[in-house]
């Protein structure tokens, strides 16, 4: 296991599938410099609680799992660096910024409000503290995901990525669809078929439907930055966002697990195994003809343990222009001009 203050990375102990799981919103380590103006009980409702636990089966099944340790309300790793909310700052932002729909709703890179619409802060944030959050948390997490995807793709010639989330049972006042609307059991997001092969989306939807779950695709969540920035289906890079309804496994009022957690964890394990089998079947023939099982031992030294720790320190001067990895930079122009609503 690779441990960094921004994330935990768990790799398969032995045999490996070309699958990466990431849970960007399940972090519970609240930094001391956060200083929110809302009770912790309200702030914690923003967490995708226990999602890292639901997918903890991944490594034993052959998938790498990356989970954020910090809360999304502090800085959201599933947002672009351009999603800066200028209304939160005490001075002009020195780097480029592009207001997305999420920024308008108050849940951009740095959240301004909770789902309830309640302001998180009773102060303005300094440019320096926002830069620090980016450098120490946002960038290391995104780089950890990118490193895992790149290493897996380099070895197998393809990679399948599940970006793992949970969603409130009912839409809130800041939801795109308006408040009070019940959600399906699972929502899959592939940004209208652009982030993975449609066959993969259909495969995951069918696997969940066969277990008795109601599944919707791109309704209301289409997927945000982590599936957008690192996907390229034509190059064998497939990313799919998956949202589990919290009512399946927890009490949203108390924040505690319900007995349903055990069943859901078992079913997600079945799903992850199916995805690993699906990916291994399609990726193994790309691995020099030897099959992925012959190469499982090569992956113990994957890139995450070396790169995650030193990623943040070189971003203190200009986060807007130096994203730290070329792949993100390639996508920023598309992000500015992409009108697609950013869900989740």
Protein backbone atom coordinates (compact mmCIF):
# COMPACT_ATOMS: atom_id res chain seq x y z
CA UNK A 1 0.00 0.00 0.00
CA UNK A 2 1.23 3.47 -0.89
CA UNK A 3 0.30 6.02 1.78
CA UNK A 4 0.35 9.76 1.04
CA UNK A 5 -1.42 12.46 3.01
CA UNK A 6 -3.65 13.03 -0.03
CA UNK A 7 -4.43 9.41 -0.96
CA UNK A 8 -4.03 5.72 -0.32
CA UNK A 9 -3.06 3.42 -3.17
CA UNK A 10 -3.58 -0.33 -2.88
CA UNK A 11 -2.19 -2.62 -5.57
CA UNK A 12 -2.98 -6.28 -6.17
CA UNK A 13 -0.63 -8.54 -4.22
CA UNK A 14 -0.13 -10.98 -7.09
CA UNK A 15 -2.01 -11.37 -10.35
CA UNK A 16 -3.34 -8.27 -11.97
CA UNK A 17 -6.13 -7.12 -14.28
CA UNK A 18 -6.02 -3.95 -16.41
CA UNK A 19 -8.44 -2.21 -14.04
CA UNK A 20 -8.08 0.91 -11.88
CA UNK A 21 -10.67 2.00 -9.30
CA UNK A 22 -10.66 5.42 -7.68
CA UNK A 23 -12.77 6.91 -4.91
CA UNK A 24 -12.16 10.68 -4.90
CA UNK A 25 -14.88 11.74 -2.46
CA UNK A 26 -14.67 9.28 0.46
CA UNK A 27 -11.91 11.09 2.37
CA UNK A 28 -12.44 11.91 6.04
CA UNK A 29 -9.14 13.56 7.11
CA UNK A 30 -10.14 17.20 7.63
CA UNK A 31 -7.11 19.54 7.49
CA UNK A 32 -6.69 21.96 10.38
CA UNK A 33 -6.57 24.99 8.10
CA UNK A 34 -10.05 24.29 6.65
CA UNK A 35 -11.87 26.54 9.19
CA UNK A 36 -15.43 26.06 7.88
CA UNK A 37 -18.38 27.91 9.41
CA UNK A 38 -20.73 24.92 9.47
CA UNK A 39 -20.97 22.01 11.91
CA UNK A 40 -18.93 18.93 11.12
CA UNK A 41 -22.15 16.91 10.98
CA UNK A 42 -23.35 19.07 8.08
CA UNK A 43 -19.98 19.04 6.34
CA UNK A 44 -19.75 15.26 6.48
CA UNK A 45 -22.95 14.90 4.45
CA UNK A 46 -20.87 15.96 1.45
CA UNK A 47 -18.74 12.81 1.74
CA UNK A 48 -19.26 9.76 -0.44
CA UNK A 49 -19.25 7.86 2.82
CA UNK A 50 -17.77 4.34 2.87
CA UNK A 51 -17.28 4.15 -0.91
CA UNK A 52 -13.61 3.25 -0.41
CA UNK A 53 -14.77 0.36 1.79
CA UNK A 54 -17.35 -0.79 -0.75
CA UNK A 55 -14.58 -1.14 -3.35
CA UNK A 56 -11.89 -2.43 -0.97
CA UNK A 57 -12.27 -5.81 -2.66
CA UNK A 58 -10.56 -4.42 -5.77
CA UNK A 59 -6.91 -5.31 -5.06
CA UNK A 60 -7.61 -8.95 -4.18
CA UNK A 61 -9.48 -9.25 -7.48
CA UNK A 62 -6.62 -7.72 -9.49
CA UNK A 63 -7.54 -4.02 -9.60
CA UNK A 64 -5.56 -1.07 -8.26
CA UNK A 65 -7.58 1.08 -5.83
CA UNK A 66 -6.85 4.75 -5.13
CA UNK A 67 -8.84 6.57 -2.44
CA UNK A 68 -8.64 10.19 -1.36
CA UNK A 69 -7.93 10.84 2.30
CA UNK A 70 -9.06 14.49 2.32
CA UNK A 71 -12.70 15.65 2.03
CA UNK A 72 -14.12 16.86 -1.27
CA UNK A 73 -15.50 19.97 0.45
CA UNK A 74 -11.92 21.10 1.17
CA UNK A 75 -10.79 20.77 -2.44
CA UNK A 76 -12.51 18.57 -5.00
CA UNK A 77 -10.16 16.23 -6.92
CA UNK A 78 -12.95 15.56 -9.42
CA UNK A 79 -12.78 19.12 -10.75
CA UNK A 80 -10.58 20.88 -13.27
CA UNK A 81 -8.00 23.41 -12.11
CA UNK A 82 -10.04 25.95 -14.09
CA UNK A 83 -13.10 25.53 -11.84
CA UNK A 84 -12.04 28.34 -9.50
CA UNK A 85 -14.84 30.24 -7.75
CA UNK A 86 -13.62 33.84 -7.76
CA UNK A 87 -16.37 34.90 -5.36
CA UNK A 88 -14.65 32.89 -2.61
CA UNK A 89 -11.30 34.68 -2.91
CA UNK A 90 -9.98 37.78 -1.19
CA UNK A 91 -7.94 38.73 -4.28
CA UNK A 92 -8.04 38.09 -8.03
CA UNK A 93 -7.03 34.57 -9.11
CA UNK A 94 -3.69 34.87 -10.95
CA UNK A 95 -4.11 31.83 -13.19
CA UNK A 96 -6.62 30.95 -15.89
CA UNK A 97 -10.16 30.14 -14.81
CA UNK A 98 -13.30 29.04 -16.60
CA UNK A 99 -16.61 29.09 -14.78
CA UNK A 100 -18.32 25.73 -15.17
CA UNK A 101 -21.87 24.87 -14.22
CA UNK A 102 -20.48 23.33 -11.04
CA UNK A 103 -18.79 26.61 -10.10
CA UNK A 104 -22.07 28.43 -10.68
CA UNK A 105 -23.80 25.99 -8.33
CA UNK A 106 -21.16 26.68 -5.67
CA UNK A 107 -19.44 23.28 -5.85
CA UNK A 108 -16.44 23.92 -8.08
CA UNK A 109 -12.82 23.21 -7.27
CA UNK A 110 -13.31 24.73 -3.79
CA UNK A 111 -16.87 24.33 -2.56
CA UNK A 112 -18.65 27.52 -1.54
CA UNK A 113 -21.89 25.89 -0.32
CA UNK A 114 -23.20 22.56 0.90
CA UNK A 115 -25.93 20.57 -0.87
CA UNK A 116 -28.40 22.41 1.34
CA UNK A 117 -27.24 25.71 -0.15
CA UNK A 118 -25.72 26.76 3.19
CA UNK A 119 -22.45 28.74 2.85
CA UNK A 120 -19.43 26.79 4.09
CA UNK A 121 -17.30 29.82 5.01
CA UNK A 122 -17.78 33.06 6.91
CA UNK A 123 -14.63 34.46 5.32
CA UNK A 124 -12.84 34.85 2.01
CA UNK A 125 -10.05 32.44 1.14
CA UNK A 126 -6.60 33.68 0.22
CA UNK A 127 -5.08 32.85 -3.13
CA UNK A 128 -2.20 31.22 -1.30
CA UNK A 129 -4.38 28.81 0.69
CA UNK A 130 -6.24 27.76 -2.44
CA UNK A 131 -2.90 27.17 -4.17
CA UNK A 132 -1.76 25.11 -1.22
CA UNK A 133 -4.87 22.93 -1.35
CA UNK A 134 -4.25 22.35 -5.05
CA UNK A 135 -0.56 21.58 -4.60
CA UNK A 136 -0.85 19.33 -1.55
CA UNK A 137 -4.11 17.50 -2.23
CA UNK A 138 -5.78 18.01 -5.63
CA UNK A 139 -2.69 17.56 -7.79
CA UNK A 140 -1.22 14.54 -5.93
CA UNK A 141 -4.57 12.74 -6.10
CA UNK A 142 -5.08 13.38 -9.80
CA UNK A 143 -1.49 12.38 -10.50
CA UNK A 144 -1.90 9.16 -8.51
CA UNK A 145 -4.88 8.23 -10.68
CA UNK A 146 -3.04 9.19 -13.86
CA UNK A 147 0.09 7.24 -12.87
CA UNK A 148 -1.96 4.11 -12.17
CA UNK A 149 -3.83 4.42 -15.46
CA UNK A 150 -0.65 5.10 -17.41
CA UNK A 151 1.26 2.17 -15.88
CA UNK A 152 -1.62 -0.22 -16.46
CA UNK A 153 -2.11 0.97 -20.03
CA UNK A 154 1.62 0.72 -20.74
CA UNK A 155 1.67 -2.89 -19.63
CA UNK A 156 -1.58 -4.19 -21.09
CA UNK A 157 -2.14 -1.80 -23.99
CA UNK A 158 -5.52 -0.89 -22.50
CA UNK A 159 -7.07 0.09 -19.17
CA UNK A 160 -10.57 0.14 -17.70
CA UNK A 161 -11.21 2.75 -15.01
CA UNK A 162 -14.14 2.90 -12.59
CA UNK A 163 -14.52 6.30 -10.92
CA UNK A 164 -16.48 5.37 -7.79
CA UNK A 165 -19.05 7.55 -6.03
CA UNK A 166 -22.23 7.56 -4.00
CA UNK A 167 -25.21 9.88 -4.36
CA UNK A 168 -27.97 11.15 -2.09
CA UNK A 169 -31.21 9.21 -2.45
CA UNK A 170 -33.07 12.38 -3.41
CA UNK A 171 -31.89 15.43 -5.33
CA UNK A 172 -31.08 18.62 -3.40
CA UNK A 173 -31.69 22.33 -3.89
CA UNK A 174 -28.45 22.68 -5.86
CA UNK A 175 -29.07 19.66 -8.09
CA UNK A 176 -29.33 20.14 -11.83
CA UNK A 177 -32.68 18.35 -11.94
CA UNK A 178 -34.20 20.40 -9.11
CA UNK A 179 -34.91 19.29 -5.52
CA UNK A 180 -36.84 16.31 -4.25
CA UNK A 181 -36.41 13.83 -7.11
CA UNK A 182 -35.61 10.21 -6.21
CA UNK A 183 -32.56 8.64 -7.85
CA UNK A 184 -32.04 5.16 -9.29
CA UNK A 185 -30.03 2.54 -7.42
CA UNK A 186 -27.03 3.16 -9.69
CA UNK A 187 -26.18 5.86 -12.20
CA UNK A 188 -23.43 5.29 -14.74
CA UNK A 189 -21.75 8.27 -16.39
CA UNK A 190 -19.71 8.13 -19.58
CA UNK A 191 -20.28 11.73 -20.68
CA UNK A 192 -22.73 10.66 -23.38
CA UNK A 193 -20.55 7.83 -24.66
CA UNK A 194 -17.33 9.83 -24.90
CA UNK A 195 -15.20 8.40 -22.07
CA UNK A 196 -15.39 4.65 -22.70
CA UNK A 197 -16.52 2.11 -25.24
CA UNK A 198 -20.34 2.01 -25.10
CA UNK A 199 -20.06 -1.76 -24.79
CA UNK A 200 -18.34 -1.31 -21.43
CA UNK A 201 -21.10 0.96 -20.13
CA UNK A 202 -23.68 -1.56 -21.34
CA UNK A 203 -21.76 -4.42 -19.71
CA UNK A 204 -21.69 -2.71 -16.30
CA UNK A 205 -25.34 -1.68 -16.59
CA UNK A 206 -26.36 -5.25 -17.45
CA UNK A 207 -24.29 -6.71 -14.60
CA UNK A 208 -26.03 -4.45 -12.07
CA UNK A 209 -29.48 -4.93 -13.62
CA UNK A 210 -29.03 -8.69 -13.43
CA UNK A 211 -28.50 -8.31 -9.67
CA UNK A 212 -31.88 -6.59 -9.42
CA UNK A 213 -30.78 -2.96 -9.31
CA UNK A 214 -32.39 -0.07 -11.18
CA UNK A 215 -29.71 1.50 -13.39
CA UNK A 216 -29.70 4.76 -15.33
CA UNK A 217 -27.01 6.03 -17.68
CA UNK A 218 -25.98 9.73 -17.76
CA UNK A 219 -29.13 10.64 -15.80
CA UNK A 220 -28.59 12.77 -13.83
CA UNK A 221 -24.80 12.23 -13.53
CA UNK A 222 -22.72 12.24 -16.70
CA UNK A 223 -19.23 12.17 -15.15
CA UNK A 224 -16.81 14.97 -14.39
CA UNK A 225 -13.07 15.57 -14.52
CA UNK A 226 -11.51 12.25 -13.58
CA UNK A 227 -13.33 10.37 -16.33
CA UNK A 228 -12.93 13.23 -18.82
CA UNK A 229 -9.27 14.12 -18.39
CA UNK A 230 -7.72 10.67 -18.58
CA UNK A 231 -10.00 8.78 -20.97
CA UNK A 232 -9.39 8.08 -24.64
CA UNK A 233 -11.46 5.10 -25.79
CA UNK A 234 -9.82 5.02 -29.22
CA UNK A 235 -6.47 4.46 -27.47
CA UNK A 236 -7.82 1.81 -25.12
CA UNK A 237 -8.39 4.13 -22.16
CA UNK A 238 -11.92 3.55 -20.85
CA UNK A 239 -13.29 5.54 -17.89
CA UNK A 240 -16.76 5.13 -16.39
CA UNK A 241 -18.25 6.95 -13.42
CA UNK A 242 -20.43 4.83 -11.15
CA UNK A 243 -22.79 6.26 -8.53
CA UNK A 244 -24.38 4.07 -5.85
CA UNK A 245 -27.51 5.33 -4.08
CA UNK A 246 -26.72 5.92 -0.42
CA UNK A 247 -30.07 4.57 0.70
CA UNK A 248 -28.81 1.13 -0.31
CA UNK A 249 -26.20 1.04 2.43
CA UNK A 250 -26.42 3.92 4.92
CA UNK A 251 -28.68 6.21 6.90
CA UNK A 252 -28.10 9.64 5.39
CA UNK A 253 -29.26 11.41 8.55
CA UNK A 254 -27.02 9.62 11.04
CA UNK A 255 -24.19 8.87 8.59
CA UNK A 256 -24.07 5.26 9.76
CA UNK A 257 -24.08 2.04 7.78
CA UNK A 258 -27.31 0.06 7.60
CA UNK A 259 -27.60 -3.73 7.27
CA UNK A 260 -27.82 -3.14 3.51
CA UNK A 261 -24.10 -2.37 3.45
CA UNK A 262 -23.20 -6.08 3.60
CA UNK A 263 -25.35 -6.97 0.61
CA UNK A 264 -24.17 -4.01 -1.44
CA UNK A 265 -20.50 -4.73 -0.68
CA UNK A 266 -21.04 -8.33 -1.79
CA UNK A 267 -22.72 -7.22 -5.02
CA UNK A 268 -20.02 -4.64 -5.75
CA UNK A 269 -17.44 -7.38 -5.28
CA UNK A 270 -19.33 -9.42 -7.90
CA UNK A 271 -19.33 -6.39 -10.18
CA UNK A 272 -15.61 -5.66 -9.76
CA UNK A 273 -14.79 -9.32 -10.44
CA UNK A 274 -16.91 -9.18 -13.60
CA UNK A 275 -15.16 -5.98 -14.71
CA UNK A 276 -11.73 -7.50 -14.05
CA UNK A 277 -12.66 -10.58 -16.09
CA UNK A 278 -14.05 -8.38 -18.87
CA UNK A 279 -10.90 -6.25 -18.94
CA UNK A 280 -8.48 -9.18 -18.68
CA UNK A 281 -10.14 -10.88 -21.63
CA UNK A 282 -9.77 -7.75 -23.74
CA UNK A 283 -6.40 -6.58 -22.48
CA UNK A 284 -4.41 -9.78 -22.11
CA UNK A 285 -3.91 -10.34 -25.83
CA UNK A 286 -2.18 -6.95 -26.00
CA UNK A 287 0.49 -8.04 -23.52
CA UNK A 288 3.07 -9.47 -25.94
CA UNK A 289 0.93 -12.53 -26.52
CA UNK A 290 1.69 -14.00 -23.10
CA UNK A 291 -1.49 -13.06 -21.31
CA UNK A 292 -1.79 -10.83 -18.26
CA UNK A 293 -1.35 -13.63 -15.73
CA UNK A 294 2.22 -14.23 -16.82
CA UNK A 295 3.10 -10.68 -15.95
CA UNK A 296 1.41 -10.19 -12.61
CA UNK A 297 4.70 -10.13 -10.71
CA UNK A 298 6.00 -7.22 -12.76
CA UNK A 299 3.54 -4.79 -11.21
CA UNK A 300 4.65 -4.71 -7.62
CA UNK A 301 6.76 -1.64 -8.38
CA UNK A 302 4.10 0.40 -10.20
CA UNK A 303 4.60 4.12 -10.45
CA UNK A 304 2.32 5.29 -7.64
CA UNK A 305 4.77 4.76 -4.77
CA UNK A 306 7.42 6.96 -6.29
CA UNK A 307 5.44 9.79 -7.82
CA UNK A 308 2.58 10.47 -5.46
CA UNK A 309 4.82 11.82 -2.71
CA UNK A 310 6.70 14.51 -4.57
CA UNK A 311 4.07 15.80 -6.94
CA UNK A 312 2.79 18.80 -5.03
CA UNK A 313 5.93 20.73 -4.17
CA UNK A 314 6.66 22.18 -7.58
CA UNK A 315 3.29 23.83 -8.08
CA UNK A 316 3.53 26.71 -5.67
CA UNK A 317 4.20 29.41 -8.24
CA UNK A 318 1.58 29.06 -10.92
CA UNK A 319 -1.03 26.35 -10.62
CA UNK A 320 -3.06 27.72 -13.45
CA UNK A 321 -0.32 27.35 -16.03
CA UNK A 322 1.75 24.46 -14.69
CA UNK A 323 -0.54 21.53 -14.14
CA UNK A 324 2.25 19.16 -13.31
CA UNK A 325 1.43 16.61 -15.99
CA UNK A 326 1.09 17.12 -19.70
CA UNK A 327 -2.06 15.08 -20.06
CA UNK A 328 -4.12 17.55 -18.05
CA UNK A 329 -2.72 20.45 -20.03
CA UNK A 330 -3.82 18.83 -23.27
CA UNK A 331 -7.41 18.83 -22.08
CA UNK A 332 -7.77 22.32 -20.69
CA UNK A 333 -8.74 23.91 -24.00
CA UNK A 334 -11.45 21.31 -24.44
CA UNK A 335 -12.67 21.97 -20.91
CA UNK A 336 -13.09 25.70 -21.55
CA UNK A 337 -15.17 25.12 -24.62
CA UNK A 338 -17.06 22.02 -23.54
CA UNK A 339 -20.68 22.93 -22.77
CA UNK A 340 -21.49 19.49 -21.37
CA UNK A 341 -22.92 19.80 -17.83
CA UNK A 342 -20.50 18.52 -15.24
CA UNK A 343 -22.35 16.09 -13.05
CA UNK A 344 -21.30 14.85 -9.61
